[in-house]
Amino acid sequence: MKLKKAQLLAKAETTAAIAKEKSSYLNDMADANLQINAMRMAFYARSEEARQSHSLHKLALGTFALEDALMKGAPFDKEIAVLRASMEGSDKDVLLDVALASLPPETLTHGTKTEAQLHQKV
């Protein structure tokens, strides 16, 4: 009877130790999962930030190139293409799209008069 009682006690202690170890393991896994999710969210946030920054740089370069072409009176179809490319995807700006669409097609290929040429005309 004492032997059976000792065996039951040992079995209960072993079961309790296994349950405690499983609980500890599950807590460790939950902590690791939280850390992994936090790292993933930080990575996605950084990736989105880099994507937006790249898109804004393309837009700025296209704008500066367009300004340069306008000041020289040169055709600016390539610059408009750069601006349109910078608006692809989720960064599409309706106002910029409308402004680009309102440009007369002949100015894209032939350019516009420079500020000096307009002053001479007046």
C-alpha atoms as a PDB file:
ATOM      1  CA  MET A   1       0.000   0.000   0.000  1.00  0.00           C
ATOM      2  CA  LYS A   2       2.854   2.383   0.851  1.00  0.00           C
ATOM      3  CA  LEU A   3       4.498   1.464  -2.440  1.00  0.00           C
ATOM      4  CA  LYS A   4       1.350   2.241  -4.392  1.00  0.00           C
ATOM      5  CA  LYS A   5       0.951   5.503  -2.532  1.00  0.00           C
ATOM      6  CA  ALA A   6       4.585   6.396  -3.273  1.00  0.00           C
ATOM      7  CA  GLN A   7       4.111   5.499  -6.950  1.00  0.00           C
ATOM      8  CA  LEU A   8       0.968   7.638  -7.176  1.00  0.00           C
ATOM      9  CA  LEU A   9       2.752  10.505  -5.459  1.00  0.00           C
ATOM     10  CA  ALA A  10       5.731  10.188  -7.834  1.00  0.00           C
ATOM     11  CA  LYS A  11       3.386  10.045 -10.825  1.00  0.00           C
ATOM     12  CA  ALA A  12       1.522  13.134  -9.599  1.00  0.00           C
ATOM     13  CA  GLU A  13       4.813  15.004  -9.074  1.00  0.00           C
ATOM     14  CA  THR A  14       6.002  13.995 -12.540  1.00  0.00           C
ATOM     15  CA  THR A  15       2.718  15.083 -14.089  1.00  0.00           C
ATOM     16  CA  ALA A  16       2.878  18.391 -12.211  1.00  0.00           C
ATOM     17  CA  ALA A  17       6.479  18.944 -13.344  1.00  0.00           C
ATOM     18  CA  ILE A  18       5.543  18.178 -16.957  1.00  0.00           C
ATOM     19  CA  ALA A  19       2.556  20.539 -16.779  1.00  0.00           C
ATOM     20  CA  LYS A  20       4.756  23.260 -15.259  1.00  0.00           C
ATOM     21  CA  GLU A  21       7.363  22.749 -17.998  1.00  0.00           C
ATOM     22  CA  LYS A  22       4.689  22.868 -20.720  1.00  0.00           C
ATOM     23  CA  SER A  23       3.235  26.037 -19.220  1.00  0.00           C
ATOM     24  CA  SER A  24       6.688  27.633 -19.110  1.00  0.00           C
ATOM     25  CA  TYR A  25       7.327  26.547 -22.711  1.00  0.00           C
ATOM     26  CA  LEU A  26       3.985  28.015 -23.854  1.00  0.00           C
ATOM     27  CA  ASN A  27       4.758  31.307 -22.081  1.00  0.00           C
ATOM     28  CA  ASP A  28       8.187  31.432 -23.720  1.00  0.00           C
ATOM     29  CA  MET A  29       6.628  30.727 -27.123  1.00  0.00           C
ATOM     30  CA  ALA A  30       4.013  33.455 -26.587  1.00  0.00           C
ATOM     31  CA  ASP A  31       6.774  35.936 -25.657  1.00  0.00           C
ATOM     32  CA  ALA A  32       8.819  34.947 -28.712  1.00  0.00           C
ATOM     33  CA  ASN A  33       5.729  35.281 -30.900  1.00  0.00           C
ATOM     34  CA  LEU A  34       5.091  38.784 -29.535  1.00  0.00           C
ATOM     35  CA  GLN A  35       8.675  39.787 -30.261  1.00  0.00           C
ATOM     36  CA  ILE A  36       8.521  38.346 -33.775  1.00  0.00           C
ATOM     37  CA  ASN A  37       5.261  40.183 -34.487  1.00  0.00           C
ATOM     38  CA  ALA A  38       6.708  43.434 -33.140  1.00  0.00           C
ATOM     39  CA  MET A  39       9.791  43.016 -35.350  1.00  0.00           C
ATOM     40  CA  ARG A  40       7.594  42.235 -38.361  1.00  0.00           C
ATOM     41  CA  MET A  41       5.466  45.336 -37.777  1.00  0.00           C
ATOM     42  CA  ALA A  42       8.594  47.478 -37.395  1.00  0.00           C
ATOM     43  CA  PHE A  43       9.998  46.021 -40.622  1.00  0.00           C
ATOM     44  CA  TYR A  44       6.762  46.716 -42.509  1.00  0.00           C
ATOM     45  CA  ALA A  45       6.606  50.257 -41.133  1.00  0.00           C
ATOM     46  CA  ARG A  46      10.207  50.877 -42.177  1.00  0.00           C
ATOM     47  CA  SER A  47       9.573  49.377 -45.619  1.00  0.00           C
ATOM     48  CA  GLU A  48       6.523  51.591 -46.127  1.00  0.00           C
ATOM     49  CA  GLU A  49       8.484  54.626 -44.976  1.00  0.00           C
ATOM     50  CA  ALA A  50      11.279  53.826 -47.430  1.00  0.00           C
ATOM     51  CA  ARG A  51       8.770  53.286 -50.253  1.00  0.00           C
ATOM     52  CA  GLN A  52       7.082  56.618 -49.576  1.00  0.00           C
ATOM     53  CA  SER A  53      10.434  58.378 -49.330  1.00  0.00           C
ATOM     54  CA  HIS A  54      11.519  56.894 -52.653  1.00  0.00           C
ATOM     55  CA  SER A  55       8.245  57.952 -54.247  1.00  0.00           C
ATOM     56  CA  LEU A  56       8.625  61.509 -52.947  1.00  0.00           C
ATOM     57  CA  HIS A  57      12.192  61.666 -54.247  1.00  0.00           C
ATOM     58  CA  LYS A  58      10.997  60.606 -57.698  1.00  0.00           C
ATOM     59  CA  LEU A  59       8.267  63.251 -57.554  1.00  0.00           C
ATOM     60  CA  ALA A  60      10.759  65.948 -56.501  1.00  0.00           C
ATOM     61  CA  LEU A  61      13.213  64.977 -59.251  1.00  0.00           C
ATOM     62  CA  GLY A  62      10.425  65.043 -61.835  1.00  0.00           C
ATOM     63  CA  THR A  63       9.268  68.439 -60.586  1.00  0.00           C
ATOM     64  CA  PHE A  64      12.759  69.941 -60.720  1.00  0.00           C
ATOM     65  CA  ALA A  65      13.322  68.506 -64.195  1.00  0.00           C
ATOM     66  CA  LEU A  66       9.971  69.920 -65.346  1.00  0.00           C
ATOM     67  CA  GLU A  67      10.829  73.335 -63.913  1.00  0.00           C
ATOM     68  CA  ASP A  68      14.186  73.274 -65.714  1.00  0.00           C
ATOM     69  CA  ALA A  69      12.571  72.329 -69.035  1.00  0.00           C
ATOM     70  CA  LEU A  70       9.935  75.065 -68.651  1.00  0.00           C
ATOM     71  CA  MET A  71      12.568  77.711 -67.914  1.00  0.00           C
ATOM     72  CA  LYS A  72      14.497  76.682 -71.016  1.00  0.00           C
ATOM     73  CA  GLY A  73      11.385  76.477 -73.193  1.00  0.00           C
ATOM     74  CA  ALA A  74      12.302  72.897 -74.051  1.00  0.00           C
ATOM     75  CA  PRO A  75       9.881  70.019 -74.681  1.00  0.00           C
ATOM     76  CA  PHE A  76       8.993  68.328 -71.408  1.00  0.00           C
ATOM     77  CA  ASP A  77       7.289  65.071 -72.345  1.00  0.00           C
ATOM     78  CA  LYS A  78      10.030  63.044 -70.612  1.00  0.00           C
ATOM     79  CA  GLU A  79       9.633  65.056 -67.425  1.00  0.00           C
ATOM     80  CA  ILE A  80       5.872  64.482 -67.455  1.00  0.00           C
ATOM     81  CA  ALA A  81       6.525  60.749 -67.881  1.00  0.00           C
ATOM     82  CA  VAL A  82       8.756  60.847 -64.784  1.00  0.00           C
ATOM     83  CA  LEU A  83       6.035  62.656 -62.826  1.00  0.00           C
ATOM     84  CA  ARG A  84       3.405  60.150 -63.938  1.00  0.00           C
ATOM     85  CA  ALA A  85       5.711  57.268 -62.955  1.00  0.00           C
ATOM     86  CA  SER A  86       6.173  58.787 -59.499  1.00  0.00           C
ATOM     87  CA  MET A  87       2.397  58.675 -58.992  1.00  0.00           C
ATOM     88  CA  GLU A  88       2.007  54.953 -59.661  1.00  0.00           C
ATOM     89  CA  GLY A  89       0.395  52.751 -57.039  1.00  0.00           C
ATOM     90  CA  SER A  90      -1.087  54.032 -53.813  1.00  0.00           C
ATOM     91  CA  ASP A  91       0.653  57.418 -54.091  1.00  0.00           C
ATOM     92  CA  LYS A  92      -1.597  58.561 -56.922  1.00  0.00           C
ATOM     93  CA  ASP A  93      -2.417  62.235 -56.456  1.00  0.00           C
ATOM     94  CA  VAL A  94      -5.647  63.202 -58.191  1.00  0.00           C
ATOM     95  CA  LEU A  95      -4.777  66.905 -58.236  1.00  0.00           C
ATOM     96  CA  LEU A  96      -1.411  66.291 -59.895  1.00  0.00           C
ATOM     97  CA  ASP A  97      -3.043  63.882 -62.340  1.00  0.00           C
ATOM     98  CA  VAL A  98      -5.631  66.519 -63.325  1.00  0.00           C
ATOM     99  CA  ALA A  99      -2.933  69.189 -63.674  1.00  0.00           C
ATOM    100  CA  LEU A 100      -0.830  66.963 -65.942  1.00  0.00           C
ATOM    101  CA  ALA A 101      -3.860  65.987 -68.009  1.00  0.00           C
ATOM    102  CA  SER A 102      -4.741  69.665 -68.553  1.00  0.00           C
ATOM    103  CA  LEU A 103      -1.455  70.422 -70.321  1.00  0.00           C
ATOM    104  CA  PRO A 104      -1.876  70.957 -74.063  1.00  0.00           C
ATOM    105  CA  PRO A 105      -0.290  68.046 -75.960  1.00  0.00           C
ATOM    106  CA  GLU A 106       1.711  70.327 -78.289  1.00  0.00           C
ATOM    107  CA  THR A 107       3.528  71.901 -75.320  1.00  0.00           C
ATOM    108  CA  LEU A 108       4.780  68.487 -74.283  1.00  0.00           C
ATOM    109  CA  THR A 109       6.605  67.969 -77.559  1.00  0.00           C
ATOM    110  CA  HIS A 110       7.431  71.557 -78.539  1.00  0.00           C
ATOM    111  CA  GLY A 111       7.863  73.277 -75.192  1.00  0.00           C
ATOM    112  CA  THR A 112       6.586  76.678 -74.106  1.00  0.00           C
ATOM    113  CA  LYS A 113       7.837  80.218 -74.383  1.00  0.00           C
ATOM    114  CA  THR A 114      10.397  81.206 -71.789  1.00  0.00           C
ATOM    115  CA  GLU A 115       9.843  84.037 -69.373  1.00  0.00           C
ATOM    116  CA  ALA A 116      12.234  86.242 -71.384  1.00  0.00           C
ATOM    117  CA  GLN A 117      10.341  85.498 -74.622  1.00  0.00           C
ATOM    118  CA  LEU A 118       7.064  86.428 -72.953  1.00  0.00           C
ATOM    119  CA  HIS A 119       8.556  89.721 -71.680  1.00  0.00           C
ATOM    120  CA  GLN A 120       9.769  90.554 -75.184  1.00  0.00           C
ATOM    121  CA  LYS A 121       6.319  89.904 -76.594  1.00  0.00           C
ATOM    122  CA  VAL A 122       4.669  92.289 -74.128  1.00  0.00           C
END
